[in-house]
Amino acid sequence: MLFQNLRQRPMVLALLLVGFSVPATAQQQGMPPAAVTVITVQPQDVPLTTTLPGRVLASAQAEVRPQVAGIITERKFKEGGRVEEGDVLYTIDAATYEAAVAQAVAAVAQANAQLKSAQKEETRLQELQSRNVASEQALDSAVAARDIAAAAVQAAEAQLQAAQIQLDRTQIRARLSGEIGRSLASRGALVTASQAEPMAVIRNIDPVYVDVTQSAADIIAWRRDNIGARLEDLPTEVTLTLADGSLFDQTGTLTAAEPDVNEQTGVVVLRMQFANPDKLLLPGMYVQVQIATTTAKGVYLVPQEAVSRDRRGQPTALVVGAENVVEMRQLSVISDQGSNWVVDSGLNPGDRVIVKGLQKAAPGATVTPQEQDAAPAPEAAPEADPSAAPAATE
């Protein structure tokens, strides 16, 4: 009897294991396909952009230097503020130059007096010569003296004008409208004409220039893609990314392309111009410029979150194929555009690329796809159980 029970025990255990495994297998087979979100891609022509590093430059810059020597008596501008062309920035002690002007005025008066005397002498000799009282030689000498006196007047007036210019230059004026920096010369300092160090610097920062560099190889590729095009035919509209990664709200234009390649770096300098009404861009600031270089034809825009990489580093994507079966596609990515990858091979028109629910999908699995922009289907209301008792009412 004991031997018979031992012989039947393995059979009982096997039956118990089968009993437990059957419900699990049935539950797995009865699970609905995983829901995923897809986008349907179609080939299109996409303009490709190149990101180039650059520095901001003032569109105009003027270094303030004195044109006469003297002691600074006053500074009349606010450091870091805006000045207009013609505004007085500094004044220099003008006593010496005022004296020079007074001396030149006196010299002009003296020359005019000598001219009047010479003119009277000429008139008198002309009357005498008409009566044959004075000789031709005397009249010629009087005419020459008059001309010399007239020239002396012109020389004296020129000296007066030069002295007046020197006096005017004791008021150092702005020669450019823009933002002025800190003052490098203080009241009481001695300055000299055309000194090496400027007293201040004025910069016009609206608009500003951005000089970027592009490799000669990229220029050659662009020229080959655009037969007959020249550097000045590059796309004119460009966008700007600031140092903090944000996009500048003004669109710039390409204004100049240097027709020369730097021998040491092998790059070409391109100049962009941007409006800067808020003075956000400052000279010397590091920025990045996005400029369109060519147009990729028949490519696909795939969201970056839909693309992953395999063990060899190749980009791949999961595509919902026929009968909603997941397929893995190996892609060829040529560039990025915003939050999308630009793919030129690996996809076909009308492919449904999975963008959400990737963790629930695998190659060969069946899924329930739903377009990303489509509204979710309304869920069906659960059917009432006939055997359930009705709710009690008061």
Protein backbone atom coordinates (compact mmCIF):
# COMPACT_ATOMS: atom_id res chain seq x y z
CA MET A 1 0.00 0.00 0.00
CA LEU A 2 2.81 2.38 0.84
CA PHE A 3 4.66 1.44 -2.34
CA GLN A 4 1.51 2.17 -4.38
CA ASN A 5 1.17 5.68 -2.85
CA LEU A 6 4.78 6.44 -3.66
CA ARG A 7 4.25 5.38 -7.25
CA GLN A 8 1.19 7.64 -7.61
CA ARG A 9 2.77 10.78 -5.98
CA PRO A 10 4.77 11.94 -9.10
CA MET A 11 1.62 11.69 -11.17
CA VAL A 12 -0.25 13.86 -8.70
CA LEU A 13 2.52 16.48 -8.70
CA ALA A 14 2.53 16.57 -12.49
CA LEU A 15 -1.22 17.09 -12.57
CA LEU A 16 -0.92 19.93 -10.08
CA LEU A 17 1.79 21.64 -12.16
CA VAL A 18 -0.32 21.34 -15.31
CA GLY A 19 -3.28 22.78 -13.46
CA PHE A 20 -1.29 25.83 -12.40
CA SER A 21 0.34 26.40 -15.82
CA VAL A 22 -2.79 26.28 -17.93
CA PRO A 23 -4.37 29.47 -16.53
CA ALA A 24 -1.08 31.41 -16.93
CA THR A 25 -0.70 30.38 -20.57
CA ALA A 26 -4.28 31.23 -21.30
CA GLN A 27 -3.88 34.64 -19.68
CA GLN A 28 -0.77 35.37 -21.75
CA GLN A 29 -2.53 34.36 -24.94
CA GLY A 30 -5.52 36.49 -24.06
CA MET A 31 -3.58 39.78 -23.49
CA PRO A 32 -4.43 42.55 -26.05
CA PRO A 33 -1.62 43.98 -28.27
CA ALA A 34 0.35 46.84 -26.71
CA ALA A 35 -0.78 50.32 -27.68
CA VAL A 36 1.89 52.52 -29.32
CA THR A 37 1.90 56.01 -30.82
CA VAL A 38 3.16 56.36 -34.39
CA ILE A 39 3.67 59.02 -37.02
CA THR A 40 3.29 58.41 -40.72
CA VAL A 41 6.30 59.76 -42.62
CA GLN A 42 6.36 60.98 -46.20
CA PRO A 43 9.35 62.09 -48.29
CA GLN A 44 9.87 65.82 -48.56
CA ASP A 45 12.45 68.43 -49.49
CA VAL A 46 14.20 69.79 -46.42
CA PRO A 47 16.64 72.74 -46.38
CA LEU A 48 19.79 71.75 -44.52
CA THR A 49 21.49 74.24 -42.24
CA THR A 50 25.04 74.58 -40.98
CA THR A 51 25.90 75.89 -37.53
CA LEU A 52 28.90 78.22 -37.54
CA PRO A 53 30.61 79.77 -34.49
CA GLY A 54 31.26 83.50 -34.44
CA ARG A 55 31.77 86.68 -32.46
CA VAL A 56 29.64 89.80 -32.24
CA LEU A 57 31.18 93.03 -33.53
CA ALA A 58 29.98 96.61 -33.35
CA SER A 59 28.77 97.87 -36.72
CA ALA A 60 30.81 101.05 -36.12
CA GLN A 61 33.43 101.98 -33.54
CA ALA A 62 35.24 105.24 -32.79
CA GLU A 63 38.05 105.78 -30.30
CA VAL A 64 37.93 109.21 -28.70
CA ARG A 65 41.33 110.96 -28.78
CA PRO A 66 42.25 114.63 -28.30
CA GLN A 67 43.45 116.65 -31.28
CA VAL A 68 45.04 119.33 -29.10
CA ALA A 69 47.13 119.18 -25.94
CA GLY A 70 45.96 120.48 -22.57
CA ILE A 71 44.47 119.77 -19.18
CA ILE A 72 41.00 118.17 -19.01
CA THR A 73 38.67 120.48 -17.12
CA GLU A 74 35.36 118.57 -17.38
CA ARG A 75 33.78 115.29 -18.48
CA LYS A 76 30.23 115.75 -19.81
CA PHE A 77 28.91 112.26 -20.52
CA LYS A 78 27.63 109.35 -18.47
CA GLU A 79 29.78 106.27 -18.69
CA GLY A 80 27.98 103.38 -20.34
CA GLY A 81 25.25 105.66 -21.73
CA ARG A 82 24.32 106.72 -25.21
CA VAL A 83 25.81 109.73 -26.97
CA GLU A 84 24.86 111.38 -30.23
CA GLU A 85 27.19 112.63 -32.91
CA GLY A 86 28.30 116.18 -32.01
CA ASP A 87 27.80 115.87 -28.25
CA VAL A 88 30.59 117.40 -26.13
CA LEU A 89 32.40 114.65 -24.22
CA TYR A 90 35.37 116.49 -22.62
CA THR A 91 36.57 120.07 -22.35
CA ILE A 92 40.24 121.08 -22.30
CA ASP A 93 41.66 124.28 -20.76
CA ALA A 94 41.25 126.77 -23.64
CA ALA A 95 43.17 129.82 -22.35
CA THR A 96 46.19 129.30 -24.62
CA TYR A 97 44.05 128.73 -27.68
CA GLU A 98 41.84 131.75 -26.98
CA ALA A 99 44.99 133.89 -26.89
CA ALA A 100 46.09 132.44 -30.21
CA VAL A 101 42.73 133.33 -31.73
CA ALA A 102 42.97 136.91 -30.44
CA GLN A 103 46.46 137.23 -31.93
CA ALA A 104 45.22 135.92 -35.26
CA VAL A 105 42.32 138.40 -35.24
CA ALA A 106 44.80 141.23 -34.73
CA ALA A 107 46.95 139.95 -37.58
CA VAL A 108 43.94 139.97 -39.88
CA ALA A 109 43.10 143.54 -38.90
CA GLN A 110 46.69 144.63 -39.57
CA ALA A 111 46.73 142.93 -42.96
CA ASN A 112 43.45 144.59 -43.93
CA ALA A 113 44.85 148.00 -42.99
CA GLN A 114 47.92 147.44 -45.15
CA LEU A 115 45.69 146.31 -48.01
CA LYS A 116 43.61 149.49 -47.82
CA SER A 117 46.78 151.61 -47.88
CA ALA A 118 48.11 149.76 -50.91
CA GLN A 119 44.78 150.14 -52.73
CA LYS A 120 44.77 153.92 -52.12
CA GLU A 121 48.34 154.21 -53.39
CA GLU A 122 47.40 152.31 -56.51
CA THR A 123 44.40 154.57 -57.15
CA ARG A 124 46.51 157.73 -56.74
CA LEU A 125 49.18 156.54 -59.14
CA GLN A 126 46.59 155.57 -61.73
CA GLU A 127 45.26 159.14 -61.73
CA LEU A 128 48.79 160.55 -61.99
CA GLN A 129 49.71 158.18 -64.77
CA SER A 130 46.58 159.17 -66.71
CA ARG A 131 47.91 162.75 -66.70
CA ASN A 132 51.42 161.55 -67.61
CA VAL A 133 52.74 162.68 -64.24
CA ALA A 134 53.67 159.22 -62.85
CA SER A 135 55.69 156.60 -64.65
CA GLU A 136 54.53 153.12 -65.62
CA GLN A 137 57.12 151.62 -63.29
CA ALA A 138 55.66 153.42 -60.27
CA LEU A 139 52.16 152.22 -61.15
CA ASP A 140 53.38 148.65 -61.54
CA SER A 141 55.03 148.79 -58.13
CA ALA A 142 51.79 150.05 -56.57
CA VAL A 143 49.79 147.22 -58.17
CA ALA A 144 52.32 144.67 -56.88
CA ALA A 145 52.16 146.15 -53.38
CA ARG A 146 48.37 145.91 -53.46
CA ASP A 147 48.51 142.23 -54.49
CA ILE A 148 51.02 141.47 -51.76
CA ALA A 149 48.80 143.14 -49.19
CA ALA A 150 45.77 141.15 -50.42
CA ALA A 151 47.74 137.90 -50.12
CA ALA A 152 48.80 138.90 -46.60
CA VAL A 153 45.13 139.30 -45.69
CA GLN A 154 44.36 135.80 -46.95
CA ALA A 155 47.28 134.36 -44.97
CA ALA A 156 46.17 136.15 -41.82
CA GLU A 157 42.61 134.90 -42.26
CA ALA A 158 43.90 131.34 -42.74
CA GLN A 159 45.90 131.63 -39.52
CA LEU A 160 42.80 132.88 -37.77
CA GLN A 161 40.81 129.92 -39.08
CA ALA A 162 43.51 127.49 -37.88
CA ALA A 163 43.57 129.12 -34.45
CA GLN A 164 39.77 128.93 -34.28
CA ILE A 165 39.88 125.23 -35.19
CA GLN A 166 42.38 124.58 -32.42
CA LEU A 167 40.14 126.46 -30.00
CA ASP A 168 37.08 124.46 -31.08
CA ARG A 169 39.00 121.23 -30.53
CA THR A 170 39.33 122.03 -26.86
CA GLN A 171 35.76 120.73 -26.76
CA ILE A 172 36.14 117.05 -27.63
CA ARG A 173 32.96 115.95 -29.42
CA ALA A 174 31.51 112.58 -30.34
CA ARG A 175 32.09 111.68 -33.97
CA LEU A 176 29.71 108.73 -33.84
CA SER A 177 26.29 108.03 -32.35
CA GLY A 178 26.27 104.97 -30.12
CA GLU A 179 27.03 103.53 -26.71
CA ILE A 180 30.06 105.01 -24.96
CA GLY A 181 32.13 102.95 -22.54
CA ARG A 182 33.99 103.91 -19.41
CA SER A 183 36.15 107.01 -19.37
CA LEU A 184 39.89 106.31 -19.51
CA ALA A 185 40.83 109.93 -18.72
CA SER A 186 39.81 111.92 -15.66
CA ARG A 187 39.48 115.59 -14.88
CA GLY A 188 42.88 117.23 -14.36
CA ALA A 189 44.74 114.78 -16.58
CA LEU A 190 47.12 116.07 -19.23
CA VAL A 191 46.35 114.86 -22.73
CA THR A 192 48.28 115.30 -25.95
CA ALA A 193 47.23 115.46 -29.56
CA SER A 194 46.75 112.04 -31.19
CA GLN A 195 47.92 110.17 -28.11
CA ALA A 196 48.19 106.38 -28.30
CA GLU A 197 45.60 105.54 -25.64
CA PRO A 198 42.00 106.60 -26.29
CA MET A 199 40.04 108.61 -23.75
CA ALA A 200 36.88 106.53 -24.37
CA VAL A 201 35.38 104.25 -27.02
CA ILE A 202 32.01 104.71 -28.76
CA ARG A 203 30.33 101.68 -30.34
CA ASN A 204 27.23 101.44 -32.47
CA ILE A 205 25.56 98.16 -31.45
CA ASP A 206 22.29 98.51 -33.33
CA PRO A 207 22.74 96.88 -35.74
CA VAL A 208 25.66 94.57 -34.98
CA TYR A 209 27.89 92.39 -37.13
CA VAL A 210 28.61 88.73 -36.50
CA ASP A 211 31.71 87.36 -38.19
CA VAL A 212 31.68 83.56 -38.60
CA THR A 213 34.08 81.17 -40.25
CA GLN A 214 33.21 78.38 -42.66
CA SER A 215 35.66 75.80 -43.94
CA ALA A 216 36.81 75.98 -47.51
CA ALA A 217 35.64 72.36 -47.99
CA ASP A 218 32.05 73.34 -47.12
CA ILE A 219 32.25 76.28 -49.52
CA ILE A 220 33.44 73.95 -52.30
CA ALA A 221 30.62 71.47 -51.60
CA TRP A 222 28.06 74.28 -51.70
CA ARG A 223 29.49 75.59 -54.97
CA ARG A 224 29.25 72.13 -56.50
CA ASP A 225 25.63 71.76 -55.40
CA ASN A 226 24.84 75.20 -56.83
CA ILE A 227 26.58 75.35 -60.17
CA GLY A 228 27.58 78.88 -61.12
CA ALA A 229 26.91 80.32 -57.66
CA ARG A 230 29.34 82.71 -56.00
CA LEU A 231 30.05 83.48 -52.36
CA GLU A 232 27.72 86.46 -52.42
CA ASP A 233 24.94 84.12 -53.62
CA LEU A 234 24.86 82.25 -50.29
CA PRO A 235 21.42 82.26 -48.58
CA THR A 236 20.92 85.64 -46.95
CA GLU A 237 18.57 84.84 -44.04
CA VAL A 238 20.28 83.41 -40.96
CA THR A 239 19.29 82.71 -37.36
CA LEU A 240 21.34 83.17 -34.21
CA THR A 241 21.74 81.08 -31.06
CA LEU A 242 23.00 82.85 -27.94
CA ALA A 243 25.61 81.58 -25.50
CA ASP A 244 22.91 80.27 -23.14
CA GLY A 245 21.37 78.15 -25.91
CA SER A 246 18.33 80.37 -26.53
CA LEU A 247 17.34 81.54 -29.99
CA PHE A 248 17.76 85.25 -30.78
CA ASP A 249 14.44 86.82 -31.74
CA GLN A 250 15.85 88.75 -34.73
CA THR A 251 16.64 87.21 -38.11
CA GLY A 252 19.91 88.33 -39.65
CA THR A 253 21.20 88.71 -43.21
CA LEU A 254 24.46 87.73 -44.85
CA THR A 255 26.09 90.99 -45.92
CA ALA A 256 29.61 90.02 -47.00
CA ALA A 257 31.81 87.02 -47.75
CA GLU A 258 35.57 87.38 -47.66
CA PRO A 259 36.95 86.20 -51.05
CA ASP A 260 40.02 84.78 -49.35
CA VAL A 261 40.94 81.61 -47.46
CA ASN A 262 43.02 81.90 -44.31
CA GLU A 263 46.29 80.10 -44.97
CA GLN A 264 46.66 78.87 -41.39
CA THR A 265 43.10 77.75 -40.62
CA GLY A 266 41.67 77.09 -44.09
CA VAL A 267 38.43 78.98 -43.43
CA VAL A 268 36.47 81.76 -45.09
CA VAL A 269 35.07 84.65 -43.05
CA LEU A 270 31.37 85.45 -43.52
CA ARG A 271 29.78 88.59 -42.10
CA MET A 272 26.16 88.67 -40.87
CA GLN A 273 24.14 91.68 -39.78
CA PHE A 274 21.49 91.57 -37.05
CA ALA A 275 19.17 94.22 -35.70
CA ASN A 276 19.77 94.68 -31.97
CA PRO A 277 17.02 96.98 -30.66
CA ASP A 278 17.23 95.68 -27.07
CA LYS A 279 21.06 95.87 -27.00
CA LEU A 280 21.13 92.19 -26.06
CA LEU A 281 24.07 91.41 -28.32
CA LEU A 282 27.33 92.96 -27.14
CA PRO A 283 30.66 93.12 -28.98
CA GLY A 284 32.87 90.15 -28.21
CA MET A 285 29.96 87.83 -27.34
CA TYR A 286 30.27 84.23 -28.55
CA VAL A 287 27.29 83.07 -30.64
CA GLN A 288 26.34 80.40 -33.17
CA VAL A 289 24.76 81.17 -36.53
CA GLN A 290 22.55 78.79 -38.48
CA ILE A 291 22.74 79.30 -42.24
CA ALA A 292 21.00 77.24 -44.94
CA THR A 293 23.52 75.62 -47.28
CA THR A 294 21.58 73.17 -49.47
CA THR A 295 18.26 71.33 -49.84
CA ALA A 296 17.96 67.58 -49.26
CA LYS A 297 15.37 66.11 -51.62
CA GLY A 298 13.14 63.15 -50.82
CA VAL A 299 14.16 62.78 -47.18
CA TYR A 300 12.18 62.04 -44.03
CA LEU A 301 11.85 63.99 -40.79
CA VAL A 302 11.82 61.58 -37.85
CA PRO A 303 11.46 62.74 -34.22
CA GLN A 304 14.66 62.21 -32.30
CA GLU A 305 12.88 60.27 -29.55
CA ALA A 306 11.91 57.62 -32.13
CA VAL A 307 15.53 56.87 -33.09
CA SER A 308 17.89 54.74 -31.02
CA ARG A 309 21.24 53.11 -31.72
CA ASP A 310 22.25 49.48 -31.82
CA ARG A 311 25.39 47.95 -30.36
CA ARG A 312 27.42 49.10 -33.37
CA GLY A 313 26.20 52.68 -32.98
CA GLN A 314 23.96 52.58 -36.06
CA PRO A 315 20.68 54.56 -35.82
CA THR A 316 17.56 52.40 -35.86
CA ALA A 317 13.81 52.87 -35.58
CA LEU A 318 10.80 50.62 -34.98
CA VAL A 319 8.18 50.66 -37.74
CA VAL A 320 4.69 49.19 -37.65
CA GLY A 321 4.38 47.10 -40.79
CA ALA A 322 1.70 44.93 -42.31
CA GLU A 323 -0.83 43.40 -39.91
CA ASN A 324 0.52 45.78 -37.22
CA VAL A 325 3.71 43.76 -36.77
CA VAL A 326 6.75 45.68 -35.52
CA GLU A 327 9.83 45.82 -37.75
CA MET A 328 13.27 47.27 -37.02
CA ARG A 329 14.78 49.53 -39.67
CA GLN A 330 18.37 50.71 -39.91
CA LEU A 331 18.48 54.41 -40.84
CA SER A 332 20.92 56.77 -42.47
CA VAL A 333 20.87 60.15 -40.69
CA ILE A 334 22.46 63.07 -42.55
CA SER A 335 21.60 65.98 -40.26
CA ASP A 336 19.35 67.27 -37.53
CA GLN A 337 16.64 69.91 -37.77
CA GLY A 338 15.25 71.12 -34.48
CA SER A 339 13.88 68.09 -32.62
CA ASN A 340 13.95 65.87 -35.73
CA TRP A 341 16.53 63.78 -37.54
CA VAL A 342 16.83 64.12 -41.32
CA VAL A 343 16.85 60.55 -42.70
CA ASP A 344 17.72 59.83 -46.32
CA SER A 345 17.46 56.01 -46.34
CA GLY A 346 15.89 53.19 -44.36
CA LEU A 347 12.27 54.34 -44.63
CA ASN A 348 9.55 54.11 -47.27
CA PRO A 349 6.67 56.49 -48.03
CA GLY A 350 3.81 55.91 -45.62
CA ASP A 351 5.83 54.05 -42.99
CA ARG A 352 4.45 54.28 -39.47
CA VAL A 353 7.33 55.03 -37.10
CA ILE A 354 6.79 54.38 -33.38
CA VAL A 355 7.46 57.50 -31.30
CA LYS A 356 5.87 56.47 -27.97
CA GLY A 357 5.56 53.08 -26.33
CA LEU A 358 8.95 51.81 -27.52
CA GLN A 359 9.46 49.91 -24.27
CA LYS A 360 6.31 47.92 -25.01
CA ALA A 361 7.25 47.07 -28.61
CA ALA A 362 9.82 44.67 -30.03
CA PRO A 363 10.56 43.39 -33.53
CA GLY A 364 8.02 40.73 -34.47
CA ALA A 365 5.44 41.77 -31.86
CA THR A 366 1.91 42.81 -32.75
CA VAL A 367 0.84 46.24 -31.53
CA THR A 368 -2.12 48.58 -31.71
CA PRO A 369 -0.89 51.76 -33.46
CA GLN A 370 -2.44 55.18 -33.06
CA GLU A 371 -1.41 58.33 -34.91
CA GLN A 372 0.22 60.93 -32.72
CA ASP A 373 -2.11 63.75 -33.77
CA ALA A 374 -5.27 61.62 -33.77
CA ALA A 375 -7.74 61.82 -30.90
CA PRO A 376 -7.82 58.71 -28.72
CA ALA A 377 -10.71 56.37 -29.34
CA PRO A 378 -13.42 56.56 -26.65
CA GLU A 379 -13.38 53.65 -24.27
CA ALA A 380 -16.49 51.43 -24.33
CA ALA A 381 -18.63 51.50 -21.22
CA PRO A 382 -18.39 48.23 -19.24
CA GLU A 383 -21.39 45.97 -19.73
CA ALA A 384 -23.60 45.38 -16.66
CA ASP A 385 -23.41 41.96 -15.06
CA PRO A 386 -26.92 40.41 -15.21
CA SER A 387 -26.24 38.41 -12.09
CA ALA A 388 -25.38 41.53 -10.09
CA ALA A 389 -27.99 42.71 -7.66
CA PRO A 390 -29.57 46.12 -8.36
CA ALA A 391 -28.51 49.01 -6.19
CA ALA A 392 -30.70 49.63 -3.20
CA THR A 393 -32.90 52.73 -3.23
CA GLU A 394 -34.16 54.58 -0.32
